[in-house]
């Protein structure tokens, strides 16, 4: 069987060949990103609004916008278009992700979001009845619901532990100790979130990984606990790569702190052996195995990348988002985000009408700052900040909601001070 061009495009297999249509545009110009005003200038945010909710569904910087538009125009002009360059478009994406995150391109599956990545992970894990999953009370719906469905399918037990009572006083040692106390010989999965969207607490993932590794030393390979991480509010905000984190799986959207194309994400796996694929892949491996009738190899993330036709103009623009952050410098990005968050917390904690939920220390926090305002519901605070002060914020989507700020590379120290004054005026 021979695949035609349309099938190859849908499969992400089509690299530009002699005689096919591909982009003839020159490489994108790389803007200088030497200072934060230059970085901020790459975004088209309203200049009169201090936006502390841009991380929720981030605006695209100019290089990403330009890449999306270029691919879109080319696809409209020729539906058989594929980007110029060697290899396949999806390989260019996983190579860029690996250069940013660490590891190898073959360890990365391309997804549409953190939720899709977690769904592929938790629905694909092969567990036996009697094995356990350990998670926490602080995780988001995508983790809790994904694990509920995993338990329903496999008969495994899911247990939750509490890592802190007061998030403002959360400590790395106490977090690790709580998880360690929850691990039993039956624990096959430890499912955590890098930065809690409910409180802004950042977990010490490396210390957790070391603790899990110690627990695994006396276990057989198939019984060892896997550390699985929802990484979305650390990915693009913190400088850590997968070697720094030490986890087994990391799921993240790339359209939040990384400011990548909307509707894109990744799932990284140290090894894919514990998983079964859920959605047929359109990878080269899958197609060749299907054509030959052979059992497909499952060692590479491309086998777990869901097949089908996608918003290709967005997917193919993902490398520009990784390149944008690498040109700024991952360490610079982390320092900027955390310094703005520290400035905001220092200002807010002095206000008599504020109770901070996020720890002051950057060692257990990132760019999220969560708080409550005395006598005011979070949704009312969001509305008043927007209408009266031109400040955009958000509300944590949990049973006990909080007012939430996110200090991104799009914010300035002056906007942080403006936010403190505005919150002080909430009565």
Protein backbone atom coordinates (compact mmCIF):
# COMPACT_ATOMS: atom_id res chain seq x y z
CA UNK A 1 0.00 0.00 0.00
CA UNK A 2 1.24 3.48 -0.88
CA UNK A 3 0.12 6.51 1.12
CA UNK A 4 -0.95 9.53 -0.87
CA UNK A 5 0.06 13.09 -0.05
CA UNK A 6 -3.15 13.86 1.84
CA UNK A 7 -2.71 10.82 4.09
CA UNK A 8 0.91 11.69 4.65
CA UNK A 9 -0.01 15.23 5.64
CA UNK A 10 -2.57 13.97 8.13
CA UNK A 11 0.01 11.56 9.46
CA UNK A 12 2.60 14.27 9.92
CA UNK A 13 4.92 12.13 7.78
CA UNK A 14 5.32 14.38 4.79
CA UNK A 15 8.67 16.09 4.54
CA UNK A 16 9.25 18.44 1.63
CA UNK A 17 10.34 16.41 -1.38
CA UNK A 18 11.38 17.40 -4.87
CA UNK A 19 8.45 18.97 -6.67
CA UNK A 20 6.20 19.44 -3.62
CA UNK A 21 5.00 22.77 -2.31
CA UNK A 22 6.73 24.24 0.69
CA UNK A 23 7.30 27.65 2.17
CA UNK A 24 9.70 29.83 0.25
CA UNK A 25 9.70 32.61 2.88
CA UNK A 26 13.03 33.60 4.40
CA UNK A 27 13.70 32.55 8.01
CA UNK A 28 11.89 34.58 10.63
CA UNK A 29 13.75 37.66 11.84
CA UNK A 30 14.85 37.19 15.46
CA UNK A 31 14.08 40.27 17.58
CA UNK A 32 16.63 41.40 20.14
CA UNK A 33 15.45 40.38 23.61
CA UNK A 34 18.15 42.04 25.68
CA UNK A 35 15.82 43.83 28.09
CA UNK A 36 12.34 43.26 29.42
CA UNK A 37 10.80 46.16 27.51
CA UNK A 38 11.96 44.48 24.31
CA UNK A 39 10.39 41.22 25.46
CA UNK A 40 7.14 42.92 26.38
CA UNK A 41 7.06 44.67 23.01
CA UNK A 42 6.69 41.28 21.31
CA UNK A 43 3.16 40.95 22.73
CA UNK A 44 0.06 42.82 21.58
CA UNK A 45 -1.56 43.20 24.98
CA UNK A 46 -3.63 46.32 25.63
CA UNK A 47 -1.09 48.91 26.83
CA UNK A 48 -3.47 50.45 29.36
CA UNK A 49 -4.27 47.15 31.12
CA UNK A 50 -2.05 45.42 33.67
CA UNK A 51 -2.72 41.80 32.78
CA UNK A 52 -1.96 39.29 35.54
CA UNK A 53 -4.09 36.57 33.91
CA UNK A 54 -2.14 36.28 30.65
CA UNK A 55 -0.84 32.86 31.70
CA UNK A 56 -4.32 31.30 31.58
CA UNK A 57 -4.42 31.27 27.77
CA UNK A 58 -1.38 33.28 26.84
CA UNK A 59 -1.12 35.78 24.02
CA UNK A 60 1.36 34.87 21.33
CA UNK A 61 4.62 36.80 20.97
CA UNK A 62 5.29 38.26 17.55
CA UNK A 63 7.49 35.39 16.23
CA UNK A 64 4.78 32.86 17.11
CA UNK A 65 2.04 35.01 15.60
CA UNK A 66 4.05 35.39 12.43
CA UNK A 67 4.78 31.67 12.20
CA UNK A 68 1.11 30.77 12.69
CA UNK A 69 0.01 33.23 10.04
CA UNK A 70 2.69 32.05 7.62
CA UNK A 71 1.62 28.41 7.92
CA UNK A 72 -2.06 29.37 7.71
CA UNK A 73 -1.58 31.42 4.55
CA UNK A 74 0.48 28.65 2.97
CA UNK A 75 -2.14 26.00 3.78
CA UNK A 76 -4.89 28.22 2.38
CA UNK A 77 -2.89 28.70 -0.81
CA UNK A 78 -2.00 25.01 -1.11
CA UNK A 79 -3.61 22.35 1.10
CA UNK A 80 -0.60 20.09 0.37
CA UNK A 81 1.83 22.59 1.90
CA UNK A 82 4.35 21.41 4.46
CA UNK A 83 7.08 23.50 6.09
CA UNK A 84 10.45 23.60 4.40
CA UNK A 85 13.36 21.83 6.05
CA UNK A 86 14.55 18.29 6.63
CA UNK A 87 12.59 15.64 8.47
CA UNK A 88 8.88 15.79 9.29
CA UNK A 89 7.01 18.74 10.81
CA UNK A 90 6.29 16.80 14.00
CA UNK A 91 9.96 15.89 14.38
CA UNK A 92 10.83 19.59 14.23
CA UNK A 93 8.39 20.15 17.10
CA UNK A 94 9.76 17.36 19.30
CA UNK A 95 13.34 18.40 18.56
CA UNK A 96 12.57 21.96 19.68
CA UNK A 97 10.80 20.68 22.79
CA UNK A 98 13.74 18.42 23.67
CA UNK A 99 16.23 21.27 23.22
CA UNK A 100 14.16 23.31 25.67
CA UNK A 101 13.17 20.62 28.17
CA UNK A 102 16.00 18.13 27.88
CA UNK A 103 15.84 14.48 26.98
CA UNK A 104 15.41 13.20 23.43
CA UNK A 105 12.79 13.96 20.75
CA UNK A 106 11.61 10.35 20.88
CA UNK A 107 10.60 10.80 24.53
CA UNK A 108 7.98 13.40 23.60
CA UNK A 109 4.40 12.99 22.41
CA UNK A 110 2.62 16.04 21.00
CA UNK A 111 -0.75 16.87 22.56
CA UNK A 112 -3.33 19.64 22.52
CA UNK A 113 -3.14 20.50 26.23
CA UNK A 114 -2.09 19.42 29.70
CA UNK A 115 -5.46 17.72 30.11
CA UNK A 116 -4.96 15.65 26.97
CA UNK A 117 -1.46 14.70 28.13
CA UNK A 118 -2.70 13.61 31.53
CA UNK A 119 -5.59 11.74 29.90
CA UNK A 120 -3.20 9.82 27.64
CA UNK A 121 -0.99 9.08 30.63
CA UNK A 122 -3.50 8.06 33.28
CA UNK A 123 -5.81 6.21 30.91
CA UNK A 124 -2.87 4.45 29.27
CA UNK A 125 -1.01 3.21 32.34
CA UNK A 126 -1.25 -0.55 32.74
CA UNK A 127 -2.06 -1.25 36.38
CA UNK A 128 -3.33 -4.37 38.11
CA UNK A 129 -6.09 -4.75 40.63
CA UNK A 130 -4.57 -4.29 44.06
CA UNK A 131 -1.98 -1.75 42.93
CA UNK A 132 -2.32 1.79 44.22
CA UNK A 133 -2.05 5.35 42.97
CA UNK A 134 -0.96 8.00 45.43
CA UNK A 135 -1.98 11.59 44.74
CA UNK A 136 -2.83 14.68 46.78
CA UNK A 137 -5.86 16.65 47.87
CA UNK A 138 -4.48 19.72 46.09
CA UNK A 139 -4.46 18.52 42.47
CA UNK A 140 -6.66 19.80 39.67
CA UNK A 141 -9.70 18.13 38.10
CA UNK A 142 -7.62 16.77 35.19
CA UNK A 143 -5.53 14.68 37.59
CA UNK A 144 -8.31 13.66 39.97
CA UNK A 145 -10.72 12.70 37.20
CA UNK A 146 -8.01 11.00 35.15
CA UNK A 147 -7.09 8.86 38.14
CA UNK A 148 -10.73 8.07 38.92
CA UNK A 149 -11.14 6.75 35.39
CA UNK A 150 -7.88 4.80 35.73
CA UNK A 151 -9.18 3.14 38.90
CA UNK A 152 -12.51 2.40 37.24
CA UNK A 153 -10.75 0.71 34.33
CA UNK A 154 -8.07 -1.24 36.21
CA UNK A 155 -9.42 -1.84 39.70
CA UNK A 156 -6.45 0.02 41.21
CA UNK A 157 -7.00 2.07 44.35
CA UNK A 158 -6.47 5.83 44.42
CA UNK A 159 -5.49 7.46 47.70
CA UNK A 160 -5.03 11.17 48.42
CA UNK A 161 -2.77 12.76 51.01
CA UNK A 162 -2.75 16.32 52.33
CA UNK A 163 0.57 18.10 51.89
CA UNK A 164 -0.19 21.20 53.96
CA UNK A 165 -2.98 22.76 55.98
CA UNK A 166 -1.94 26.37 55.47
CA UNK A 167 -0.35 26.81 52.04
CA UNK A 168 1.36 30.03 53.13
CA UNK A 169 3.52 28.01 55.54
CA UNK A 170 4.08 24.98 53.30
CA UNK A 171 7.61 23.60 53.43
CA UNK A 172 9.54 21.32 51.09
CA UNK A 173 10.45 18.91 53.89
CA UNK A 174 6.85 18.57 55.06
CA UNK A 175 5.61 17.99 51.51
CA UNK A 176 8.13 15.22 50.88
CA UNK A 177 7.42 13.66 54.27
CA UNK A 178 3.67 13.58 53.63
CA UNK A 179 4.14 11.81 50.30
CA UNK A 180 6.68 9.41 51.75
CA UNK A 181 4.25 8.44 54.51
CA UNK A 182 1.61 7.73 51.87
CA UNK A 183 3.68 5.29 49.81
CA UNK A 184 3.04 1.60 50.39
CA UNK A 185 4.52 -1.52 48.74
CA UNK A 186 1.49 -1.47 46.42
CA UNK A 187 2.04 2.10 45.18
CA UNK A 188 2.65 2.01 41.42
CA UNK A 189 2.01 5.70 40.61
CA UNK A 190 2.73 8.91 42.49
CA UNK A 191 0.74 11.67 40.78
CA UNK A 192 1.52 15.28 41.71
CA UNK A 193 1.36 18.81 40.34
CA UNK A 194 4.51 20.91 40.03
CA UNK A 195 2.84 24.23 40.92
CA UNK A 196 -0.62 24.14 42.50
CA UNK A 197 -3.03 26.36 40.61
CA UNK A 198 -5.17 26.47 43.76
CA UNK A 199 -2.57 28.08 46.05
CA UNK A 200 0.64 28.81 44.10
CA UNK A 201 2.62 26.28 46.17
CA UNK A 202 5.50 24.80 44.14
CA UNK A 203 6.40 21.22 44.98
CA UNK A 204 10.06 20.14 45.37
CA UNK A 205 9.79 17.66 42.49
CA UNK A 206 13.48 16.72 42.57
CA UNK A 207 13.32 15.86 46.27
CA UNK A 208 10.12 13.89 45.69
CA UNK A 209 11.81 12.01 42.83
CA UNK A 210 14.76 11.13 45.07
CA UNK A 211 12.39 9.89 47.78
CA UNK A 212 10.48 7.76 45.26
CA UNK A 213 13.77 6.38 43.91
CA UNK A 214 14.73 5.31 47.44
CA UNK A 215 11.39 3.54 47.85
CA UNK A 216 11.98 1.74 44.54
CA UNK A 217 15.39 0.32 45.37
CA UNK A 218 14.05 -2.93 46.81
CA UNK A 219 11.30 -3.38 44.19
CA UNK A 220 11.19 -5.36 40.98
CA UNK A 221 11.01 -3.34 37.78
CA UNK A 222 7.29 -3.80 37.18
CA UNK A 223 6.47 -2.87 40.78
CA UNK A 224 8.42 0.36 40.98
CA UNK A 225 6.48 3.57 41.59
CA UNK A 226 6.30 6.02 38.68
CA UNK A 227 6.43 9.75 39.43
CA UNK A 228 3.95 11.52 37.15
CA UNK A 229 3.78 15.32 37.10
CA UNK A 230 1.25 17.86 35.89
CA UNK A 231 3.82 20.50 35.00
CA UNK A 232 1.76 23.25 33.43
CA UNK A 233 2.37 26.11 35.89
CA UNK A 234 6.08 25.36 36.14
CA UNK A 235 6.69 24.72 32.45
CA UNK A 236 7.79 28.01 30.89
CA UNK A 237 8.03 29.70 34.28
CA UNK A 238 10.84 27.68 35.89
CA UNK A 239 14.19 26.80 34.38
CA UNK A 240 14.19 23.12 35.42
CA UNK A 241 14.49 20.48 32.73
CA UNK A 242 13.50 16.84 33.03
CA UNK A 243 16.93 15.83 34.34
CA UNK A 244 16.59 18.46 37.07
CA UNK A 245 13.12 17.23 38.01
CA UNK A 246 13.87 13.50 37.94
CA UNK A 247 10.27 12.48 37.22
CA UNK A 248 9.10 9.65 34.95
CA UNK A 249 6.36 11.55 33.09
CA UNK A 250 5.68 15.27 32.64
CA UNK A 251 2.54 16.66 31.00
CA UNK A 252 2.15 20.31 30.11
CA UNK A 253 0.35 22.61 27.75
CA UNK A 254 2.61 25.01 25.90
CA UNK A 255 -0.02 27.76 25.66
CA UNK A 256 0.30 29.09 29.20
CA UNK A 257 3.61 30.29 30.69
CA UNK A 258 5.55 29.39 27.54
CA UNK A 259 3.16 31.60 25.49
CA UNK A 260 3.10 29.00 22.75
CA UNK A 261 0.41 28.43 20.14
CA UNK A 262 -3.02 27.96 21.64
CA UNK A 263 -4.17 24.36 21.65
CA UNK A 264 -0.73 22.76 21.91
CA UNK A 265 1.10 20.73 24.54
CA UNK A 266 3.50 17.88 25.20
CA UNK A 267 3.75 14.68 27.20
CA UNK A 268 7.32 13.65 28.04
CA UNK A 269 8.10 10.11 29.19
CA UNK A 270 11.38 8.70 30.41
CA UNK A 271 10.21 5.36 29.03
CA UNK A 272 6.90 4.53 27.37
CA UNK A 273 6.94 0.84 28.30
CA UNK A 274 4.34 1.18 31.13
CA UNK A 275 1.73 2.69 28.78
CA UNK A 276 -0.72 1.49 26.17
CA UNK A 277 -1.72 3.95 23.48
CA UNK A 278 -5.32 5.19 23.52
CA UNK A 279 -5.72 7.00 20.21
CA UNK A 280 -4.26 5.59 16.99
CA UNK A 281 -1.08 7.36 16.02
CA UNK A 282 -0.30 8.63 12.53
CA UNK A 283 3.42 8.28 13.11
CA UNK A 284 5.72 6.65 10.58
CA UNK A 285 6.10 3.69 12.95
CA UNK A 286 2.35 3.20 13.22
CA UNK A 287 1.76 3.42 9.47
CA UNK A 288 4.58 1.06 8.56
CA UNK A 289 3.45 -1.47 11.16
CA UNK A 290 -0.13 -1.22 9.94
CA UNK A 291 0.90 -1.73 6.32
CA UNK A 292 3.12 -4.70 7.12
CA UNK A 293 0.88 -6.26 9.75
CA UNK A 294 3.71 -6.21 12.29
CA UNK A 295 3.32 -5.37 15.97
CA UNK A 296 4.25 -1.68 16.31
CA UNK A 297 7.13 -0.65 18.48
CA UNK A 298 6.07 1.43 21.49
CA UNK A 299 9.40 2.81 22.61
CA UNK A 300 8.93 6.30 21.18
CA UNK A 301 6.60 9.15 22.04
CA UNK A 302 5.46 9.52 18.44
CA UNK A 303 3.48 6.29 18.82
CA UNK A 304 1.50 7.99 21.62
CA UNK A 305 0.91 11.24 19.71
CA UNK A 306 -2.79 11.14 18.76
CA UNK A 307 -3.29 10.92 15.01
CA UNK A 308 -5.75 12.77 12.83
CA UNK A 309 -5.78 16.18 11.26
CA UNK A 310 -4.85 19.05 13.54
CA UNK A 311 -4.65 22.84 13.51
CA UNK A 312 -1.33 22.43 11.72
CA UNK A 313 -0.57 26.14 11.60
CA UNK A 314 -0.49 26.12 15.41
CA UNK A 315 1.36 22.83 15.85
CA UNK A 316 4.04 23.77 13.31
CA UNK A 317 4.59 27.12 15.05
CA UNK A 318 5.49 25.45 18.36
CA UNK A 319 9.27 25.58 17.71
CA UNK A 320 9.08 29.39 17.61
CA UNK A 321 7.72 29.46 21.17
CA UNK A 322 10.53 27.25 22.46
CA UNK A 323 13.09 29.34 20.56
CA UNK A 324 11.63 32.59 21.94
CA UNK A 325 12.10 31.46 25.53
CA UNK A 326 15.55 30.05 24.85
CA UNK A 327 16.66 33.36 23.34
CA UNK A 328 15.52 35.18 26.47
CA UNK A 329 17.18 32.52 28.63
CA UNK A 330 15.34 30.07 30.86
CA UNK A 331 17.17 31.26 33.98
CA UNK A 332 16.38 34.91 33.15
CA UNK A 333 12.72 34.02 32.69
CA UNK A 334 12.55 32.25 36.05
CA UNK A 335 14.35 35.07 37.87
CA UNK A 336 12.06 37.68 36.34
CA UNK A 337 8.85 35.81 37.12
CA UNK A 338 9.86 35.02 40.69
CA UNK A 339 11.21 38.50 41.41
CA UNK A 340 7.94 40.06 40.27
CA UNK A 341 5.98 37.54 42.35
CA UNK A 342 8.12 38.31 45.41
CA UNK A 343 7.59 42.04 44.91
CA UNK A 344 3.83 41.45 44.68
CA UNK A 345 3.72 39.23 47.78
CA UNK A 346 5.81 41.70 49.79
CA UNK A 347 3.39 44.47 48.92
CA UNK A 348 0.24 42.45 49.53
CA UNK A 349 1.26 40.96 52.87
CA UNK A 350 1.46 44.45 54.36
CA UNK A 351 -2.21 45.14 53.57
CA UNK A 352 -4.70 44.69 56.42
CA UNK A 353 -7.44 43.44 54.06
CA UNK A 354 -5.35 40.63 52.51
CA UNK A 355 -4.53 37.08 53.54
CA UNK A 356 -1.87 35.51 51.34
CA UNK A 357 -2.21 31.83 50.50
CA UNK A 358 1.04 31.51 48.53
CA UNK A 359 4.32 31.03 50.41
CA UNK A 360 6.66 34.02 50.48
CA UNK A 361 9.75 31.94 49.72
CA UNK A 362 10.64 31.42 46.04
CA UNK A 363 11.86 27.94 46.99
CA UNK A 364 8.25 26.76 47.28
CA UNK A 365 6.52 29.11 44.84
CA UNK A 366 6.79 30.24 41.23
CA UNK A 367 4.72 32.87 39.44
CA UNK A 368 1.25 32.34 40.91
CA UNK A 369 0.16 34.53 43.82
CA UNK A 370 -3.14 33.54 45.47
CA UNK A 371 -4.95 35.47 48.20
CA UNK A 372 -8.25 36.32 49.80
CA UNK A 373 -9.60 39.82 50.41
CA UNK A 374 -11.44 40.37 53.68
CA UNK A 375 -15.19 40.57 53.20
CA UNK A 376 -15.09 40.14 49.41
CA UNK A 377 -15.73 37.15 47.15
CA UNK A 378 -12.94 36.49 44.63
CA UNK A 379 -15.21 37.00 41.62
CA UNK A 380 -16.24 40.41 42.91
CA UNK A 381 -12.60 41.32 43.43
CA UNK A 382 -11.79 40.30 39.84
CA UNK A 383 -14.60 42.46 38.49
CA UNK A 384 -13.68 45.49 40.56
CA UNK A 385 -10.02 45.24 39.67
CA UNK A 386 -10.95 45.04 36.00
CA UNK A 387 -13.55 47.80 35.90
CA UNK A 388 -12.10 50.26 38.40
CA UNK A 389 -8.36 49.72 38.02
CA UNK A 390 -7.78 48.17 34.56
CA UNK A 391 -6.14 45.12 36.13
CA UNK A 392 -6.88 41.62 34.85
CA UNK A 393 -6.75 38.76 37.36
CA UNK A 394 -8.39 35.34 37.74
CA UNK A 395 -10.11 33.11 40.27
CA UNK A 396 -8.83 29.66 41.23
CA UNK A 397 -11.37 27.06 39.94
CA UNK A 398 -11.66 25.10 43.18
CA UNK A 399 -14.29 24.50 45.87
CA UNK A 400 -12.66 27.21 47.98
CA UNK A 401 -11.80 29.86 45.37
CA UNK A 402 -9.10 32.50 45.78
CA UNK A 403 -8.14 35.65 43.91
CA UNK A 404 -5.14 34.80 41.73
CA UNK A 405 -2.39 36.83 40.07
CA UNK A 406 0.23 35.46 37.69
CA UNK A 407 3.43 37.48 37.22
CA UNK A 408 4.60 36.70 33.69
CA UNK A 409 7.35 38.04 31.45
CA UNK A 410 4.67 40.41 30.13
CA UNK A 411 4.41 42.28 33.44
CA UNK A 412 6.51 45.12 34.85
CA UNK A 413 7.49 46.18 38.40
CA UNK A 414 5.31 49.26 37.94
CA UNK A 415 2.30 47.09 37.20
CA UNK A 416 3.01 45.05 40.32
CA UNK A 417 2.98 48.23 42.43
CA UNK A 418 -0.22 49.32 40.69
CA UNK A 419 -1.79 45.98 41.60
CA UNK A 420 -0.86 46.35 45.27
CA UNK A 421 -2.45 49.80 45.41
CA UNK A 422 -5.59 48.51 43.69
CA UNK A 423 -5.99 45.58 46.09
CA UNK A 424 -5.51 47.98 49.03
CA UNK A 425 -8.50 49.93 47.71
CA UNK A 426 -10.81 46.90 47.72
CA UNK A 427 -13.22 47.48 50.60
